[in-house]
Amino acid sequence: MRRVIVTCIRFYQVCVSPFLPRSCRFYPTCSEYAVQAVTKYGVIKGLLLAAYRILRCNPFSPGGYDPVK
């Protein structure tokens, strides 16, 4: 299951993201963070961490360096 999720995120990064304006305020990007979180913590916890990260990625957030811990 982990491989399926990571493949879906990689598809988004390669096929969808290049056509959208850059808007992520964090480094690594939210999609790369999701890949790292799913790889490190598994599907459920990784997706929850990624969802929380995406919720924090907004114009009111200062952004910056935010690695998977």
PDB file of N, CA and C in Angstrom:
ATOM      1  N   MET A   1       0.825  -1.194   0.000  1.00  0.00           N
ATOM      2  CA  MET A   1       0.000   0.000   0.000  1.00  0.00           C
ATOM      3  C   MET A   1       0.873   1.263   0.000  1.00  0.00           C
ATOM      4  N   ARG A   2       1.966   1.195   0.735  1.00  0.00           N
ATOM      5  CA  ARG A   2       2.879   2.339   0.817  1.00  0.00           C
ATOM      6  C   ARG A   2       3.384   2.718  -0.577  1.00  0.00           C
ATOM      7  N   ARG A   3       3.736   1.717  -1.353  1.00  0.00           N
ATOM      8  CA  ARG A   3       4.255   1.965  -2.701  1.00  0.00           C
ATOM      9  C   ARG A   3       3.200   2.622  -3.598  1.00  0.00           C
ATOM     10  N   VAL A   4       1.949   2.238  -3.449  1.00  0.00           N
ATOM     11  CA  VAL A   4       0.861   2.818  -4.247  1.00  0.00           C
ATOM     12  C   VAL A   4       0.698   4.302  -3.925  1.00  0.00           C
ATOM     13  N   ILE A   5       0.717   4.641  -2.646  1.00  0.00           N
ATOM     14  CA  ILE A   5       0.568   6.040  -2.225  1.00  0.00           C
ATOM     15  C   ILE A   5       1.734   6.873  -2.745  1.00  0.00           C
ATOM     16  N   VAL A   6       2.945   6.376  -2.577  1.00  0.00           N
ATOM     17  CA  VAL A   6       4.129   7.112  -3.037  1.00  0.00           C
ATOM     18  C   VAL A   6       4.084   7.283  -4.557  1.00  0.00           C
ATOM     19  N   THR A   7       3.655   6.262  -5.283  1.00  0.00           N
ATOM     20  CA  THR A   7       3.541   6.365  -6.739  1.00  0.00           C
ATOM     21  C   THR A   7       2.514   7.415  -7.140  1.00  0.00           C
ATOM     22  N   CYS A   8       1.398   7.485  -6.436  1.00  0.00           N
ATOM     23  CA  CYS A   8       0.380   8.508  -6.719  1.00  0.00           C
ATOM     24  C   CYS A   8       0.934   9.916  -6.480  1.00  0.00           C
ATOM     25  N   ILE A   9       1.677  10.083  -5.408  1.00  0.00           N
ATOM     26  CA  ILE A   9       2.258  11.396  -5.113  1.00  0.00           C
ATOM     27  C   ILE A   9       3.306  11.757  -6.161  1.00  0.00           C
ATOM     28  N   ARG A  10       4.132  10.789  -6.546  1.00  0.00           N
ATOM     29  CA  ARG A  10       5.141  11.039  -7.585  1.00  0.00           C
ATOM     30  C   ARG A  10       4.471  11.395  -8.919  1.00  0.00           C
ATOM     31  N   PHE A  11       3.355  10.742  -9.237  1.00  0.00           N
ATOM     32  CA  PHE A  11       2.604  11.084 -10.448  1.00  0.00           C
ATOM     33  C   PHE A  11       2.160  12.542 -10.386  1.00  0.00           C
ATOM     34  N   TYR A  12       1.635  12.950  -9.249  1.00  0.00           N
ATOM     35  CA  TYR A  12       1.231  14.348  -9.068  1.00  0.00           C
ATOM     36  C   TYR A  12       2.426  15.282  -9.278  1.00  0.00           C
ATOM     37  N   GLN A  13       3.566  14.942  -8.690  1.00  0.00           N
ATOM     38  CA  GLN A  13       4.752  15.793  -8.803  1.00  0.00           C
ATOM     39  C   GLN A  13       5.228  15.944 -10.247  1.00  0.00           C
ATOM     40  N   VAL A  14       5.153  14.879 -11.021  1.00  0.00           N
ATOM     41  CA  VAL A  14       5.684  14.892 -12.384  1.00  0.00           C
ATOM     42  C   VAL A  14       4.664  15.384 -13.413  1.00  0.00           C
ATOM     43  N   CYS A  15       3.409  14.990 -13.262  1.00  0.00           N
ATOM     44  CA  CYS A  15       2.414  15.253 -14.311  1.00  0.00           C
ATOM     45  C   CYS A  15       1.457  16.403 -14.020  1.00  0.00           C
ATOM     46  N   VAL A  16       1.234  16.740 -12.782  1.00  0.00           N
ATOM     47  CA  VAL A  16       0.254  17.780 -12.436  1.00  0.00           C
ATOM     48  C   VAL A  16       0.941  19.046 -11.933  1.00  0.00           C
ATOM     49  N   SER A  17       1.815  18.896 -10.982  1.00  0.00           N
ATOM     50  CA  SER A  17       2.448  20.039 -10.330  1.00  0.00           C
ATOM     51  C   SER A  17       3.170  21.005 -11.274  1.00  0.00           C
ATOM     52  N   PRO A  18       3.842  20.532 -12.326  1.00  0.00           N
ATOM     53  CA  PRO A  18       4.521  21.487 -13.218  1.00  0.00           C
ATOM     54  C   PRO A  18       3.579  22.492 -13.894  1.00  0.00           C
ATOM     55  N   PHE A  19       2.301  22.162 -13.984  1.00  0.00           N
ATOM     56  CA  PHE A  19       1.335  23.041 -14.637  1.00  0.00           C
ATOM     57  C   PHE A  19       0.637  23.994 -13.665  1.00  0.00           C
ATOM     58  N   LEU A  20       0.960  23.896 -12.399  1.00  0.00           N
ATOM     59  CA  LEU A  20       0.369  24.764 -11.378  1.00  0.00           C
ATOM     60  C   LEU A  20       1.407  25.778 -10.912  1.00  0.00           C
ATOM     61  N   PRO A  21       0.956  26.960 -10.498  1.00  0.00           N
ATOM     62  CA  PRO A  21       1.929  27.929  -9.968  1.00  0.00           C
ATOM     63  C   PRO A  21       2.515  27.418  -8.648  1.00  0.00           C
ATOM     64  N   ARG A  22       3.755  27.773  -8.397  1.00  0.00           N
ATOM     65  CA  ARG A  22       4.392  27.368  -7.136  1.00  0.00           C
ATOM     66  C   ARG A  22       3.713  28.095  -5.982  1.00  0.00           C
ATOM     67  N   SER A  23       3.272  27.339  -4.995  1.00  0.00           N
ATOM     68  CA  SER A  23       2.571  27.976  -3.887  1.00  0.00           C
ATOM     69  C   SER A  23       2.972  27.425  -2.524  1.00  0.00           C
ATOM     70  N   CYS A  24       3.795  26.380  -2.487  1.00  0.00           N
ATOM     71  CA  CYS A  24       4.186  25.808  -1.201  1.00  0.00           C
ATOM     72  C   CYS A  24       5.147  26.757  -0.490  1.00  0.00           C
ATOM     73  N   ARG A  25       4.869  27.007   0.784  1.00  0.00           N
ATOM     74  CA  ARG A  25       5.657  27.943   1.568  1.00  0.00           C
ATOM     75  C   ARG A  25       6.749  27.237   2.372  1.00  0.00           C
ATOM     76  N   PHE A  26       6.823  25.940   2.254  1.00  0.00           N
ATOM     77  CA  PHE A  26       7.753  25.154   3.053  1.00  0.00           C
ATOM     78  C   PHE A  26       8.819  24.491   2.188  1.00  0.00           C
ATOM     79  N   TYR A  27       9.904  24.085   2.852  1.00  0.00           N
ATOM     80  CA  TYR A  27      10.912  23.236   2.245  1.00  0.00           C
ATOM     81  C   TYR A  27      11.124  22.061   3.174  1.00  0.00           C
ATOM     82  N   PRO A  28      11.055  20.841   2.728  1.00  0.00           N
ATOM     83  CA  PRO A  28      10.703  20.402   1.388  1.00  0.00           C
ATOM     84  C   PRO A  28       9.238  20.698   1.060  1.00  0.00           C
ATOM     85  N   THR A  29       8.900  20.624  -0.211  1.00  0.00           N
ATOM     86  CA  THR A  29       7.524  20.921  -0.620  1.00  0.00           C
ATOM     87  C   THR A  29       6.558  19.966   0.071  1.00  0.00           C
ATOM     88  N   CYS A  30       5.302  20.325   0.080  1.00  0.00           N
ATOM     89  CA  CYS A  30       4.299  19.502   0.760  1.00  0.00           C
ATOM     90  C   CYS A  30       4.212  18.097   0.162  1.00  0.00           C
ATOM     91  N   SER A  31       4.335  17.985  -1.158  1.00  0.00           N
ATOM     92  CA  SER A  31       4.263  16.656  -1.767  1.00  0.00           C
ATOM     93  C   SER A  31       5.501  15.822  -1.424  1.00  0.00           C
ATOM     94  N   GLU A  32       6.668  16.439  -1.395  1.00  0.00           N
ATOM     95  CA  GLU A  32       7.877  15.704  -1.008  1.00  0.00           C
ATOM     96  C   GLU A  32       7.815  15.325   0.470  1.00  0.00           C
ATOM     97  N   TYR A  33       7.276  16.212   1.290  1.00  0.00           N
ATOM     98  CA  TYR A  33       7.069  15.920   2.710  1.00  0.00           C
ATOM     99  C   TYR A  33       6.160  14.697   2.861  1.00  0.00           C
ATOM    100  N   ALA A  34       5.104  14.636   2.045  1.00  0.00           N
ATOM    101  CA  ALA A  34       4.173  13.506   2.105  1.00  0.00           C
ATOM    102  C   ALA A  34       4.882  12.200   1.763  1.00  0.00           C
ATOM    103  N   VAL A  35       5.720  12.216   0.740  1.00  0.00           N
ATOM    104  CA  VAL A  35       6.471  11.015   0.365  1.00  0.00           C
ATOM    105  C   VAL A  35       7.379  10.589   1.514  1.00  0.00           C
ATOM    106  N   GLN A  36       8.094  11.528   2.096  1.00  0.00           N
ATOM    107  CA  GLN A  36       9.004  11.211   3.199  1.00  0.00           C
ATOM    108  C   GLN A  36       8.242  10.697   4.418  1.00  0.00           C
ATOM    109  N   ALA A  37       7.102  11.307   4.726  1.00  0.00           N
ATOM    110  CA  ALA A  37       6.318  10.898   5.893  1.00  0.00           C
ATOM    111  C   ALA A  37       5.746   9.494   5.707  1.00  0.00           C
ATOM    112  N   VAL A  38       5.213   9.204   4.528  1.00  0.00           N
ATOM    113  CA  VAL A  38       4.659   7.872   4.264  1.00  0.00           C
ATOM    114  C   VAL A  38       5.768   6.829   4.283  1.00  0.00           C
ATOM    115  N   THR A  39       6.914   7.158   3.737  1.00  0.00           N
ATOM    116  CA  THR A  39       8.038   6.224   3.724  1.00  0.00           C
ATOM    117  C   THR A  39       8.541   5.950   5.136  1.00  0.00           C
ATOM    118  N   LYS A  40       8.602   6.981   5.954  1.00  0.00           N
ATOM    119  CA  LYS A  40       9.159   6.834   7.305  1.00  0.00           C
ATOM    120  C   LYS A  40       8.162   6.247   8.304  1.00  0.00           C
ATOM    121  N   TYR A  41       6.902   6.701   8.260  1.00  0.00           N
ATOM    122  CA  TYR A  41       5.933   6.337   9.291  1.00  0.00           C
ATOM    123  C   TYR A  41       4.827   5.389   8.843  1.00  0.00           C
ATOM    124  N   GLY A  42       4.773   5.059   7.571  1.00  0.00           N
ATOM    125  CA  GLY A  42       3.701   4.201   7.086  1.00  0.00           C
ATOM    126  C   GLY A  42       2.551   5.030   6.534  1.00  0.00           C
ATOM    127  N   VAL A  43       1.568   4.338   5.985  1.00  0.00           N
ATOM    128  CA  VAL A  43       0.497   5.009   5.252  1.00  0.00           C
ATOM    129  C   VAL A  43      -0.376   5.880   6.146  1.00  0.00           C
ATOM    130  N   ILE A  44      -0.886   5.353   7.221  1.00  0.00           N
ATOM    131  CA  ILE A  44      -1.864   6.099   8.027  1.00  0.00           C
ATOM    132  C   ILE A  44      -1.226   7.309   8.699  1.00  0.00           C
ATOM    133  N   LYS A  45      -0.187   7.096   9.475  1.00  0.00           N
ATOM    134  CA  LYS A  45       0.447   8.223  10.159  1.00  0.00           C
ATOM    135  C   LYS A  45       1.082   9.183   9.157  1.00  0.00           C
ATOM    136  N   GLY A  46       1.670   8.651   8.093  1.00  0.00           N
ATOM    137  CA  GLY A  46       2.283   9.493   7.069  1.00  0.00           C
ATOM    138  C   GLY A  46       1.276  10.404   6.391  1.00  0.00           C
ATOM    139  N   LEU A  47       0.109   9.871   6.038  1.00  0.00           N
ATOM    140  CA  LEU A  47      -0.921  10.694   5.403  1.00  0.00           C
ATOM    141  C   LEU A  47      -1.514  11.709   6.376  1.00  0.00           C
ATOM    142  N   LEU A  48      -1.622  11.344   7.638  1.00  0.00           N
ATOM    143  CA  LEU A  48      -2.104  12.311   8.638  1.00  0.00           C
ATOM    144  C   LEU A  48      -1.111  13.461   8.794  1.00  0.00           C
ATOM    145  N   LEU A  49       0.170  13.141   8.853  1.00  0.00           N
ATOM    146  CA  LEU A  49       1.191  14.189   8.930  1.00  0.00           C
ATOM    147  C   LEU A  49       1.166  15.069   7.680  1.00  0.00           C
ATOM    148  N   ALA A  50       1.004  14.446   6.518  1.00  0.00           N
ATOM    149  CA  ALA A  50       0.951  15.205   5.265  1.00  0.00           C
ATOM    150  C   ALA A  50      -0.282  16.108   5.224  1.00  0.00           C
ATOM    151  N   ALA A  51      -1.417  15.603   5.689  1.00  0.00           N
ATOM    152  CA  ALA A  51      -2.641  16.416   5.702  1.00  0.00           C
ATOM    153  C   ALA A  51      -2.481  17.614   6.633  1.00  0.00           C
ATOM    154  N   TYR A  52      -1.872  17.389   7.793  1.00  0.00           N
ATOM    155  CA  TYR A  52      -1.637  18.497   8.725  1.00  0.00           C
ATOM    156  C   TYR A  52      -0.697  19.526   8.105  1.00  0.00           C
ATOM    157  N   ARG A  53       0.303  19.056   7.397  1.00  0.00           N
ATOM    158  CA  ARG A  53       1.247  19.958   6.726  1.00  0.00           C
ATOM    159  C   ARG A  53       0.533  20.792   5.667  1.00  0.00           C
ATOM    160  N   ILE A  54      -0.324  20.162   4.878  1.00  0.00           N
ATOM    161  CA  ILE A  54      -1.061  20.876   3.831  1.00  0.00           C
ATOM    162  C   ILE A  54      -1.990  21.917   4.446  1.00  0.00           C
ATOM    163  N   LEU A  55      -2.593  21.602   5.575  1.00  0.00           N
ATOM    164  CA  LEU A  55      -3.450  22.582   6.261  1.00  0.00           C
ATOM    165  C   LEU A  55      -2.644  23.784   6.748  1.00  0.00           C
ATOM    166  N   ARG A  56      -1.386  23.556   7.127  1.00  0.00           N
ATOM    167  CA  ARG A  56      -0.533  24.658   7.589  1.00  0.00           C
ATOM    168  C   ARG A  56       0.052  25.477   6.448  1.00  0.00           C
ATOM    169  N   CYS A  57      -0.004  24.967   5.238  1.00  0.00           N
ATOM    170  CA  CYS A  57       0.574  25.649   4.078  1.00  0.00           C
ATOM    171  C   CYS A  57      -0.463  26.615   3.501  1.00  0.00           C
ATOM    172  N   ASN A  58      -0.474  27.807   4.031  1.00  0.00           N
ATOM    173  CA  ASN A  58      -1.440  28.817   3.602  1.00  0.00           C
ATOM    174  C   ASN A  58      -0.779  30.190   3.644  1.00  0.00           C
ATOM    175  N   PRO A  59      -1.429  31.212   3.092  1.00  0.00           N
ATOM    176  CA  PRO A  59      -0.814  32.544   3.040  1.00  0.00           C
ATOM    177  C   PRO A  59      -0.508  33.160   4.408  1.00  0.00           C
ATOM    178  N   PHE A  60      -1.133  32.669   5.462  1.00  0.00           N
ATOM    179  CA  PHE A  60      -0.910  33.231   6.792  1.00  0.00           C
ATOM    180  C   PHE A  60       0.236  32.551   7.532  1.00  0.00           C
ATOM    181  N   SER A  61       0.781  31.502   6.949  1.00  0.00           N
ATOM    182  CA  SER A  61       1.882  30.765   7.555  1.00  0.00           C
ATOM    183  C   SER A  61       3.213  31.333   7.070  1.00  0.00           C
ATOM    184  N   PRO A  62       4.201  31.457   7.960  1.00  0.00           N
ATOM    185  CA  PRO A  62       5.502  31.961   7.519  1.00  0.00           C
ATOM    186  C   PRO A  62       6.267  30.946   6.665  1.00  0.00           C
ATOM    187  N   GLY A  63       5.919  29.665   6.759  1.00  0.00           N
ATOM    188  CA  GLY A  63       6.623  28.649   5.976  1.00  0.00           C
ATOM    189  C   GLY A  63       8.016  28.406   6.510  1.00  0.00           C
ATOM    190  N   GLY A  64       8.946  28.043   5.630  1.00  0.00           N
ATOM    191  CA  GLY A  64      10.322  27.798   6.025  1.00  0.00           C
ATOM    192  C   GLY A  64      10.678  26.326   5.991  1.00  0.00           C
ATOM    193  N   TYR A  65      11.776  25.988   6.645  1.00  0.00           N
ATOM    194  CA  TYR A  65      12.277  24.619   6.662  1.00  0.00           C
ATOM    195  C   TYR A  65      11.484  23.809   7.671  1.00  0.00           C
ATOM    196  N   ASP A  66      10.886  22.710   7.224  1.00  0.00           N
ATOM    197  CA  ASP A  66      10.053  21.874   8.081  1.00  0.00           C
ATOM    198  C   ASP A  66      10.221  20.412   7.668  1.00  0.00           C
ATOM    199  N   PRO A  67      11.281  19.752   8.143  1.00  0.00           N
ATOM    200  CA  PRO A  67      11.526  18.365   7.735  1.00  0.00           C
ATOM    201  C   PRO A  67      10.606  17.386   8.462  1.00  0.00           C
ATOM    202  N   VAL A  68      10.525  16.178   7.942  1.00  0.00           N
ATOM    203  CA  VAL A  68       9.808  15.101   8.625  1.00  0.00           C
ATOM    204  C   VAL A  68      10.655  14.707   9.820  1.00  0.00           C
ATOM    205  N   LYS A  69      10.062  14.690  10.990  1.00  0.00           N
ATOM    206  CA  LYS A  69      10.834  14.379  12.203  1.00  0.00           C
ATOM    207  C   LYS A  69      10.675  12.942  12.590  1.00  0.00           C
TER     208      LYS A  69
END
